[in-house]
N, C-alpha and C. Protein backbone atom coordinates (compact mmCIF):
# COMPACT_ATOMS: atom_id res chain seq x y z
N MET A 1 -27.22 124.32 77.17
CA MET A 1 -27.82 125.18 76.19
C MET A 1 -29.31 125.25 76.30
N LYS A 2 -29.95 124.14 76.54
CA LYS A 2 -31.48 124.12 76.65
C LYS A 2 -31.90 124.97 77.95
N THR A 3 -31.13 124.80 79.03
CA THR A 3 -31.45 125.60 80.17
C THR A 3 -31.30 127.10 79.91
N LEU A 4 -30.26 127.48 79.18
CA LEU A 4 -30.15 128.86 78.94
C LEU A 4 -31.21 129.41 77.96
N LEU A 5 -31.73 128.71 77.12
CA LEU A 5 -32.81 129.07 76.25
C LEU A 5 -34.08 129.20 77.06
N VAL A 6 -34.26 128.40 78.00
CA VAL A 6 -35.47 128.33 78.84
C VAL A 6 -35.40 129.63 79.70
N MET A 7 -34.19 129.95 80.27
CA MET A 7 -34.05 131.12 81.17
C MET A 7 -34.30 132.41 80.37
N VAL A 8 -33.77 132.44 78.99
CA VAL A 8 -33.88 133.65 78.17
C VAL A 8 -35.44 133.87 77.88
N ALA A 9 -36.09 132.73 77.56
CA ALA A 9 -37.57 132.85 77.29
C ALA A 9 -38.31 133.34 78.52
N PHE A 10 -37.89 132.78 79.75
CA PHE A 10 -38.60 133.16 80.95
C PHE A 10 -38.38 134.68 81.23
N VAL A 11 -37.13 135.10 81.12
CA VAL A 11 -36.75 136.45 81.49
C VAL A 11 -37.46 137.47 80.51
N SER A 12 -37.44 137.11 79.22
CA SER A 12 -38.06 137.87 78.20
C SER A 12 -39.58 138.03 78.44
N GLN A 13 -40.26 137.02 78.85
CA GLN A 13 -41.67 137.01 79.03
C GLN A 13 -41.90 137.78 80.31
N THR A 14 -41.08 137.73 81.30
CA THR A 14 -41.24 138.48 82.55
C THR A 14 -41.08 139.95 82.26
N LEU A 15 -40.02 140.35 81.52
CA LEU A 15 -39.79 141.74 81.30
C LEU A 15 -40.75 142.36 80.38
N CYS A 16 -41.36 141.65 79.45
CA CYS A 16 -42.32 142.12 78.50
C CYS A 16 -43.65 142.32 79.16
N PHE A 17 -43.92 141.63 80.21
CA PHE A 17 -45.29 141.66 80.89
C PHE A 17 -45.38 142.85 81.66
N ALA A 18 -46.21 143.84 81.24
CA ALA A 18 -46.46 145.12 81.92
C ALA A 18 -47.66 144.91 82.81
N ALA A 19 -47.40 144.73 84.09
CA ALA A 19 -48.54 144.44 85.05
C ALA A 19 -49.04 145.86 85.52
N LYS A 20 -50.29 145.79 85.78
CA LYS A 20 -50.97 146.98 86.44
C LYS A 20 -50.52 147.37 87.84
N GLN A 21 -50.18 148.62 88.02
CA GLN A 21 -49.75 148.97 89.36
C GLN A 21 -50.72 148.79 90.46
N LEU A 22 -50.41 147.95 91.43
CA LEU A 22 -51.33 147.75 92.61
C LEU A 22 -51.37 148.96 93.47
N PRO A 23 -52.50 149.15 94.22
CA PRO A 23 -52.57 150.17 95.14
C PRO A 23 -51.72 149.94 96.34
N THR A 24 -50.80 150.85 96.74
CA THR A 24 -49.96 150.73 97.81
C THR A 24 -50.53 151.43 99.03
N VAL A 25 -49.84 151.34 100.14
CA VAL A 25 -50.21 152.22 101.31
C VAL A 25 -49.78 153.62 101.04
N SER A 26 -50.38 154.61 101.77
CA SER A 26 -50.15 155.93 101.34
C SER A 26 -48.82 156.49 101.78
N GLN A 27 -48.12 155.87 102.83
CA GLN A 27 -46.94 156.34 103.30
C GLN A 27 -46.21 155.28 104.07
N VAL A 28 -44.94 155.14 103.89
CA VAL A 28 -44.10 154.24 104.65
C VAL A 28 -42.92 155.08 105.17
N GLU A 29 -42.69 154.93 106.46
CA GLU A 29 -41.48 155.47 107.08
C GLU A 29 -40.36 154.45 107.07
N VAL A 30 -39.47 154.62 106.07
CA VAL A 30 -38.46 153.53 105.83
C VAL A 30 -37.71 153.27 107.16
N GLU A 31 -37.38 154.27 107.99
CA GLU A 31 -36.61 154.12 109.23
C GLU A 31 -37.36 153.08 110.03
N ARG A 32 -38.59 153.10 110.14
CA ARG A 32 -39.47 152.20 111.04
C ARG A 32 -39.58 150.89 110.29
N TYR A 33 -39.73 150.83 108.97
CA TYR A 33 -39.94 149.61 108.26
C TYR A 33 -38.74 148.69 108.21
N VAL A 34 -37.48 149.18 108.21
CA VAL A 34 -36.30 148.37 108.18
C VAL A 34 -36.22 147.50 109.45
N GLY A 35 -35.41 146.40 109.41
CA GLY A 35 -35.31 145.42 110.46
C GLY A 35 -35.73 144.13 110.02
N LYS A 36 -35.96 143.22 110.90
CA LYS A 36 -36.28 141.78 110.63
C LYS A 36 -37.73 141.55 110.51
N TRP A 37 -38.20 140.88 109.45
CA TRP A 37 -39.58 140.50 109.18
C TRP A 37 -39.54 138.90 109.09
N ASN A 38 -40.63 138.39 109.57
CA ASN A 38 -40.81 136.93 109.40
C ASN A 38 -42.01 136.69 108.45
N ALA A 39 -41.86 135.90 107.48
CA ALA A 39 -42.85 135.58 106.49
C ALA A 39 -43.81 134.52 107.13
N VAL A 40 -44.90 134.93 107.58
CA VAL A 40 -45.88 134.06 108.16
C VAL A 40 -46.52 133.12 107.11
N ALA A 41 -46.64 133.71 105.83
CA ALA A 41 -47.15 132.98 104.79
C ALA A 41 -46.64 133.67 103.41
N ALA A 42 -46.51 132.91 102.44
CA ALA A 42 -46.09 133.44 101.16
C ALA A 42 -46.50 132.57 100.00
N LEU A 43 -46.50 133.20 98.80
CA LEU A 43 -46.64 132.45 97.59
C LEU A 43 -45.34 131.69 97.40
N PRO A 44 -45.33 130.51 96.81
CA PRO A 44 -44.12 129.81 96.52
C PRO A 44 -43.31 130.57 95.51
N GLN A 45 -41.98 130.52 95.81
CA GLN A 45 -41.02 131.05 94.80
C GLN A 45 -39.81 130.11 94.55
N ARG A 46 -39.13 130.33 93.53
CA ARG A 46 -38.02 129.40 93.24
C ARG A 46 -37.05 129.35 94.45
N PHE A 47 -36.70 130.47 94.99
CA PHE A 47 -35.73 130.55 96.07
C PHE A 47 -36.33 129.82 97.36
N THR A 48 -37.51 129.81 97.57
CA THR A 48 -38.16 129.27 98.77
C THR A 48 -38.71 127.88 98.59
N LYS A 49 -38.33 127.14 97.47
CA LYS A 49 -38.94 125.82 97.23
C LYS A 49 -38.92 124.91 98.34
N LYS A 50 -37.84 124.75 99.03
CA LYS A 50 -37.78 123.74 100.10
C LYS A 50 -37.73 124.37 101.44
N CYS A 51 -38.20 125.61 101.61
CA CYS A 51 -38.17 126.35 102.84
C CYS A 51 -39.43 125.86 103.68
N ILE A 52 -39.14 125.80 105.05
CA ILE A 52 -40.33 125.67 105.92
C ILE A 52 -40.64 126.94 106.60
N ALA A 53 -39.72 127.95 106.50
CA ALA A 53 -39.95 129.29 106.90
C ALA A 53 -38.94 130.23 106.27
N GLN A 54 -39.33 131.54 106.29
CA GLN A 54 -38.38 132.52 105.67
C GLN A 54 -38.38 133.72 106.47
N THR A 55 -37.32 134.52 106.35
CA THR A 55 -37.18 135.87 107.08
C THR A 55 -36.60 136.76 106.05
N ALA A 56 -36.85 138.15 106.21
CA ALA A 56 -36.20 139.17 105.35
C ALA A 56 -35.71 140.18 106.36
N ASP A 57 -34.43 140.48 106.17
CA ASP A 57 -33.72 141.49 106.98
C ASP A 57 -33.53 142.73 106.10
N TYR A 58 -33.99 143.89 106.48
CA TYR A 58 -33.82 145.09 105.64
C TYR A 58 -33.00 146.10 106.48
N GLU A 59 -32.02 146.78 105.87
CA GLU A 59 -31.26 147.82 106.54
C GLU A 59 -31.04 148.99 105.62
N LEU A 60 -31.29 150.18 106.14
CA LEU A 60 -31.15 151.40 105.30
C LEU A 60 -29.62 151.59 105.12
N ILE A 61 -29.23 151.73 103.73
CA ILE A 61 -27.87 151.95 103.37
C ILE A 61 -27.57 153.22 102.69
N GLY A 62 -28.62 154.01 102.50
CA GLY A 62 -28.56 155.29 101.70
C GLY A 62 -29.90 155.78 101.58
N GLU A 63 -29.98 157.03 101.14
CA GLU A 63 -31.29 157.67 100.99
C GLU A 63 -32.09 156.89 99.88
N GLY A 64 -33.14 156.33 100.33
CA GLY A 64 -33.95 155.59 99.34
C GLY A 64 -33.42 154.19 98.92
N THR A 65 -32.43 153.73 99.51
CA THR A 65 -31.77 152.43 99.24
C THR A 65 -31.72 151.48 100.53
N VAL A 66 -32.20 150.31 100.42
CA VAL A 66 -32.22 149.36 101.49
C VAL A 66 -31.55 147.98 101.06
N SER A 67 -30.68 147.55 101.98
CA SER A 67 -30.10 146.22 101.72
C SER A 67 -31.16 145.18 102.09
N VAL A 68 -31.13 144.05 101.44
CA VAL A 68 -32.06 142.94 101.57
C VAL A 68 -31.21 141.66 101.77
N LEU A 69 -31.64 141.00 102.90
CA LEU A 69 -31.11 139.61 103.14
C LEU A 69 -32.26 138.72 103.40
N ASN A 70 -32.60 137.87 102.46
CA ASN A 70 -33.65 136.94 102.57
C ASN A 70 -33.11 135.54 103.01
N THR A 71 -33.65 135.03 104.02
CA THR A 71 -33.20 133.76 104.50
C THR A 71 -34.32 132.66 104.34
N CYS A 72 -33.90 131.57 103.82
CA CYS A 72 -34.77 130.38 103.74
C CYS A 72 -34.40 129.43 104.83
N ILE A 73 -35.26 128.96 105.72
CA ILE A 73 -34.94 128.06 106.86
C ILE A 73 -35.51 126.75 106.35
N LYS A 74 -34.64 125.76 106.25
CA LYS A 74 -35.05 124.41 105.72
C LYS A 74 -35.25 123.54 106.91
N LYS A 75 -35.68 122.26 106.73
CA LYS A 75 -35.76 121.28 107.78
C LYS A 75 -34.34 121.11 108.37
N HIS A 76 -34.40 120.71 109.62
CA HIS A 76 -33.23 120.47 110.46
C HIS A 76 -32.42 121.68 110.63
N GLY A 77 -33.04 122.89 110.49
CA GLY A 77 -32.37 124.21 110.73
C GLY A 77 -31.38 124.69 109.85
N LYS A 78 -31.14 124.05 108.63
CA LYS A 78 -30.11 124.50 107.66
C LYS A 78 -30.84 125.76 107.05
N THR A 79 -29.95 126.75 106.65
CA THR A 79 -30.45 127.94 105.99
C THR A 79 -29.74 128.18 104.64
N LYS A 80 -30.49 128.95 103.79
CA LYS A 80 -29.96 129.39 102.54
C LYS A 80 -30.21 130.94 102.47
N THR A 81 -29.34 131.65 102.06
CA THR A 81 -29.67 133.20 101.97
C THR A 81 -29.34 133.72 100.60
N ILE A 82 -30.02 134.89 100.29
CA ILE A 82 -29.75 135.59 99.14
C ILE A 82 -29.76 137.07 99.46
N GLU A 83 -28.78 137.82 98.97
CA GLU A 83 -28.63 139.18 99.30
C GLU A 83 -29.05 140.07 98.18
N GLY A 84 -29.54 141.19 98.43
CA GLY A 84 -29.86 142.11 97.29
C GLY A 84 -30.00 143.51 97.75
N LYS A 85 -30.64 144.32 96.96
CA LYS A 85 -30.83 145.76 97.27
C LYS A 85 -32.21 146.22 96.67
N ALA A 86 -32.81 147.08 97.51
CA ALA A 86 -34.16 147.67 97.13
C ALA A 86 -33.96 149.10 97.03
N VAL A 87 -34.55 149.66 95.92
CA VAL A 87 -34.46 151.08 95.68
C VAL A 87 -35.84 151.71 95.57
N VAL A 88 -36.15 152.68 96.42
CA VAL A 88 -37.47 153.31 96.45
C VAL A 88 -37.81 153.89 95.10
N LYS A 89 -38.93 153.51 94.41
CA LYS A 89 -39.26 153.97 93.19
C LYS A 89 -40.35 155.17 93.27
N ASN A 90 -41.13 155.22 94.33
CA ASN A 90 -42.02 156.29 94.61
C ASN A 90 -41.60 157.02 95.76
N LYS A 91 -40.98 158.07 95.70
CA LYS A 91 -40.42 158.85 96.82
C LYS A 91 -41.53 159.50 97.62
N LEU A 92 -42.68 159.65 97.08
CA LEU A 92 -43.83 160.32 97.80
C LEU A 92 -44.36 159.43 98.83
N THR A 93 -44.40 158.04 98.53
CA THR A 93 -44.97 157.08 99.46
C THR A 93 -43.99 156.15 100.13
N ASN A 94 -42.83 155.94 99.49
CA ASN A 94 -41.88 154.93 99.81
C ASN A 94 -42.37 153.57 99.83
N ALA A 95 -43.53 153.35 99.16
CA ALA A 95 -44.27 152.04 99.23
C ALA A 95 -44.05 151.21 97.94
N SER A 96 -43.37 151.72 97.06
CA SER A 96 -43.10 150.99 95.79
C SER A 96 -41.51 150.96 95.67
N LEU A 97 -41.02 149.67 95.54
CA LEU A 97 -39.55 149.55 95.38
C LEU A 97 -39.21 148.66 94.30
N GLU A 98 -38.00 148.77 93.82
CA GLU A 98 -37.41 147.84 92.85
C GLU A 98 -36.23 147.09 93.47
N VAL A 99 -36.44 145.77 93.39
CA VAL A 99 -35.38 144.87 94.06
C VAL A 99 -34.53 144.07 93.09
N THR A 100 -33.22 144.11 93.35
CA THR A 100 -32.35 143.27 92.62
C THR A 100 -31.60 142.40 93.51
N PHE A 101 -31.39 141.12 93.11
CA PHE A 101 -30.64 140.18 93.99
C PHE A 101 -29.15 139.94 93.41
N ASP A 102 -28.31 139.63 94.23
CA ASP A 102 -26.94 139.46 93.91
C ASP A 102 -26.68 138.05 93.55
N ASN A 103 -27.09 137.62 92.34
CA ASN A 103 -26.70 136.25 91.88
C ASN A 103 -26.44 136.30 90.34
N PHE A 104 -25.95 135.18 89.87
CA PHE A 104 -25.54 135.14 88.47
C PHE A 104 -26.65 135.50 87.47
N TRP A 105 -27.79 134.86 87.55
CA TRP A 105 -28.89 135.07 86.72
C TRP A 105 -29.50 136.47 86.70
N THR A 106 -29.68 137.05 87.88
CA THR A 106 -30.21 138.41 87.90
C THR A 106 -29.23 139.40 87.30
N LYS A 107 -27.94 139.10 87.52
CA LYS A 107 -26.97 140.02 86.97
C LYS A 107 -26.93 139.85 85.37
N LEU A 108 -26.81 138.61 84.92
CA LEU A 108 -26.72 138.39 83.50
C LEU A 108 -27.91 138.92 82.77
N PHE A 109 -29.15 138.70 83.25
CA PHE A 109 -30.28 139.20 82.50
C PHE A 109 -30.89 140.55 83.11
N ARG A 110 -30.09 141.17 84.08
CA ARG A 110 -30.62 142.47 84.73
C ARG A 110 -32.07 142.32 85.19
N VAL A 111 -32.37 141.26 85.87
CA VAL A 111 -33.72 141.09 86.34
C VAL A 111 -33.98 141.94 87.61
N LYS A 112 -35.07 142.64 87.58
CA LYS A 112 -35.40 143.39 88.66
C LYS A 112 -36.93 143.06 89.10
N GLY A 113 -37.19 143.02 90.36
CA GLY A 113 -38.49 142.68 90.79
C GLY A 113 -39.11 143.94 91.45
N ASP A 114 -40.41 144.03 91.30
CA ASP A 114 -41.13 145.06 92.05
C ASP A 114 -41.61 144.58 93.36
N TYR A 115 -41.64 145.54 94.30
CA TYR A 115 -41.94 145.26 95.70
C TYR A 115 -42.84 146.24 96.06
N GLN A 116 -44.16 145.88 96.31
CA GLN A 116 -45.21 146.77 96.62
C GLN A 116 -45.69 146.51 98.07
N ILE A 117 -45.62 147.63 98.83
CA ILE A 117 -46.12 147.57 100.23
C ILE A 117 -47.69 147.81 100.14
N LEU A 118 -48.47 146.85 100.23
CA LEU A 118 -49.86 146.91 100.01
C LEU A 118 -50.80 147.19 101.26
N LYS A 119 -50.14 146.68 102.46
CA LYS A 119 -51.03 146.87 103.67
C LYS A 119 -49.95 146.89 104.80
N LEU A 120 -50.08 147.86 105.65
CA LEU A 120 -49.06 147.93 106.80
C LEU A 120 -49.77 148.55 107.96
N ASP A 121 -49.70 147.83 109.07
CA ASP A 121 -50.35 148.40 110.27
C ASP A 121 -49.68 149.59 110.80
N GLU A 122 -50.28 150.40 111.57
CA GLU A 122 -49.72 151.63 112.14
C GLU A 122 -48.55 151.46 112.98
N ASN A 123 -48.41 150.33 113.65
CA ASN A 123 -47.28 149.98 114.58
C ASN A 123 -46.13 149.35 113.78
N TYR A 124 -46.25 149.08 112.51
CA TYR A 124 -45.29 148.40 111.77
C TYR A 124 -44.91 147.00 112.23
N GLU A 125 -45.97 146.30 112.65
CA GLU A 125 -45.84 144.94 113.15
C GLU A 125 -46.21 143.89 112.12
N TYR A 126 -47.03 144.36 111.12
CA TYR A 126 -47.57 143.33 110.12
C TYR A 126 -47.56 144.10 108.81
N VAL A 127 -47.19 143.28 107.78
CA VAL A 127 -47.17 144.01 106.39
C VAL A 127 -47.61 142.88 105.39
N LEU A 128 -48.21 143.42 104.40
CA LEU A 128 -48.50 142.56 103.13
C LEU A 128 -47.77 143.28 102.03
N VAL A 129 -46.94 142.36 101.35
CA VAL A 129 -46.07 142.80 100.26
C VAL A 129 -46.35 141.93 99.03
N GLY A 130 -46.39 142.54 97.90
CA GLY A 130 -46.75 141.76 96.73
C GLY A 130 -46.07 142.42 95.45
N SER A 131 -46.04 141.61 94.37
CA SER A 131 -45.62 142.23 93.09
C SER A 131 -46.77 142.51 92.09
N ASN A 132 -46.60 143.48 91.28
CA ASN A 132 -47.74 143.90 90.43
C ASN A 132 -48.19 142.78 89.58
N ASN A 133 -47.40 141.78 89.13
CA ASN A 133 -47.77 140.68 88.38
C ASN A 133 -48.48 139.60 89.16
N LYS A 134 -48.63 139.77 90.51
CA LYS A 134 -49.34 138.95 91.50
C LYS A 134 -48.71 137.49 91.58
N LYS A 135 -47.58 137.42 91.17
CA LYS A 135 -46.75 136.15 91.29
C LYS A 135 -46.10 136.01 92.72
N SER A 136 -45.86 137.26 93.29
CA SER A 136 -45.17 137.18 94.61
C SER A 136 -46.02 137.87 95.68
N LEU A 137 -46.07 137.22 96.82
CA LEU A 137 -46.84 137.80 97.94
C LEU A 137 -46.33 137.26 99.22
N TRP A 138 -46.17 138.17 100.20
CA TRP A 138 -45.75 137.75 101.52
C TRP A 138 -46.57 138.47 102.51
N ILE A 139 -47.03 137.71 103.47
CA ILE A 139 -47.61 138.27 104.73
C ILE A 139 -46.59 138.12 105.93
N MET A 140 -46.18 139.27 106.36
CA MET A 140 -44.98 139.18 107.28
C MET A 140 -45.35 139.87 108.57
N SER A 141 -44.57 139.34 109.65
CA SER A 141 -44.84 139.91 110.99
C SER A 141 -43.45 140.10 111.60
N ARG A 142 -43.36 140.97 112.56
CA ARG A 142 -42.10 141.13 113.31
C ARG A 142 -41.80 139.89 114.21
N GLU A 143 -42.96 139.21 114.52
CA GLU A 143 -42.81 138.00 115.29
C GLU A 143 -42.96 136.85 114.32
N THR A 144 -42.89 135.57 114.79
CA THR A 144 -42.95 134.42 113.95
C THR A 144 -44.35 133.97 113.74
N SER A 145 -45.32 134.74 114.37
CA SER A 145 -46.74 134.42 114.05
C SER A 145 -47.56 135.78 114.16
N MET A 146 -48.82 135.60 113.92
CA MET A 146 -49.62 136.81 114.08
C MET A 146 -51.01 136.33 114.43
N PRO A 147 -51.81 137.22 115.11
CA PRO A 147 -53.17 136.80 115.43
C PRO A 147 -53.98 136.31 114.30
N ALA A 148 -54.77 135.34 114.48
CA ALA A 148 -55.47 134.68 113.43
C ALA A 148 -56.44 135.69 112.69
N GLU A 149 -57.00 136.64 113.44
CA GLU A 149 -57.99 137.61 112.83
C GLU A 149 -57.17 138.65 111.89
N VAL A 150 -56.00 138.96 112.32
CA VAL A 150 -55.14 139.82 111.54
C VAL A 150 -54.62 139.16 110.21
N PHE A 151 -54.17 137.94 110.43
CA PHE A 151 -53.78 137.15 109.28
C PHE A 151 -54.89 137.01 108.28
N GLN A 152 -55.98 136.67 108.74
CA GLN A 152 -57.21 136.48 107.80
C GLN A 152 -57.53 137.81 107.06
N GLU A 153 -57.52 138.93 107.82
CA GLU A 153 -57.73 140.32 107.22
C GLU A 153 -56.68 140.54 106.08
N TYR A 154 -55.46 140.18 106.38
CA TYR A 154 -54.40 140.39 105.26
C TYR A 154 -54.69 139.43 104.05
N VAL A 155 -54.99 138.17 104.34
CA VAL A 155 -55.35 137.21 103.25
C VAL A 155 -56.51 137.81 102.45
N ASP A 156 -57.60 138.14 103.14
CA ASP A 156 -58.75 138.69 102.46
C ASP A 156 -58.44 139.90 101.59
N TYR A 157 -57.59 140.82 102.08
CA TYR A 157 -57.18 141.93 101.31
C TYR A 157 -56.48 141.50 100.03
N ALA A 158 -55.51 140.64 100.28
CA ALA A 158 -54.79 140.12 99.04
C ALA A 158 -55.65 139.46 98.05
N LYS A 159 -56.64 138.76 98.40
CA LYS A 159 -57.57 138.21 97.52
C LYS A 159 -58.36 139.17 96.75
N THR A 160 -58.76 140.39 97.44
CA THR A 160 -59.42 141.38 96.72
C THR A 160 -58.61 142.12 95.71
N LEU A 161 -57.25 141.98 95.87
CA LEU A 161 -56.35 142.59 94.91
C LEU A 161 -56.08 141.58 93.65
N GLY A 162 -56.64 140.30 93.82
CA GLY A 162 -56.49 139.40 92.75
C GLY A 162 -55.29 138.42 92.97
N PHE A 163 -54.74 138.25 94.11
CA PHE A 163 -53.75 137.27 94.38
C PHE A 163 -54.42 135.89 94.53
N GLU A 164 -53.71 134.88 94.19
CA GLU A 164 -54.19 133.50 94.32
C GLU A 164 -53.81 133.05 95.77
N THR A 165 -54.57 133.46 96.69
CA THR A 165 -54.45 133.21 98.08
C THR A 165 -54.54 131.75 98.54
N SER A 166 -55.18 130.91 97.67
CA SER A 166 -55.30 129.56 98.10
C SER A 166 -53.91 128.84 97.83
N GLU A 167 -52.99 129.46 97.22
CA GLU A 167 -51.72 128.83 97.08
C GLU A 167 -50.59 129.31 98.13
N LEU A 168 -51.09 130.11 99.06
CA LEU A 168 -50.20 130.62 100.20
C LEU A 168 -49.62 129.36 100.90
N VAL A 169 -48.38 129.45 101.18
CA VAL A 169 -47.68 128.36 102.09
C VAL A 169 -47.40 129.01 103.43
N ILE A 170 -47.91 128.36 104.42
CA ILE A 170 -47.81 128.81 105.76
C ILE A 170 -46.43 128.36 106.33
N SER A 171 -45.66 129.40 107.01
CA SER A 171 -44.36 129.05 107.50
C SER A 171 -44.58 128.18 108.73
N LYS A 172 -43.44 127.33 109.03
CA LYS A 172 -43.49 126.48 110.19
C LYS A 172 -42.21 126.93 111.02
N PHE A 173 -42.27 128.00 111.76
CA PHE A 173 -41.14 128.47 112.54
C PHE A 173 -40.98 127.59 113.76
């Protein structure tokens, strides 16, 4: 019962908190964006608590809708996955999405997360994704690493947006 009350309080606080919309990239070609991304660094999340690395696989499943498969890679190669769906909220840019995951708590409390594409290189090799409340942030690459100067550029940009970049966890692929 205590756990349920804590979850209700957490979800209520999350839903009541109206975060300011972060500036996104001007345009995302969803067809180019889908595919596999490797999280080079990320702010810690409940799902990724014991992860040494993480990946995200996106697949276009309808106009403005993308399937999401997040994988947590643990020590000794064990994995944990969570599936969900992302729906484009801003059809002019395709850079602002709403994500729901297919698990008990998100269904029970109808929890939805915002997914803002904040920085994306022209070749769709590197991306910075975050949430408006600044509690979620990922620096991702099509490869398992990225050049140090590009990584620093993305970290610096996230910092200018108000993200706590000192808490970023670097993946160990």
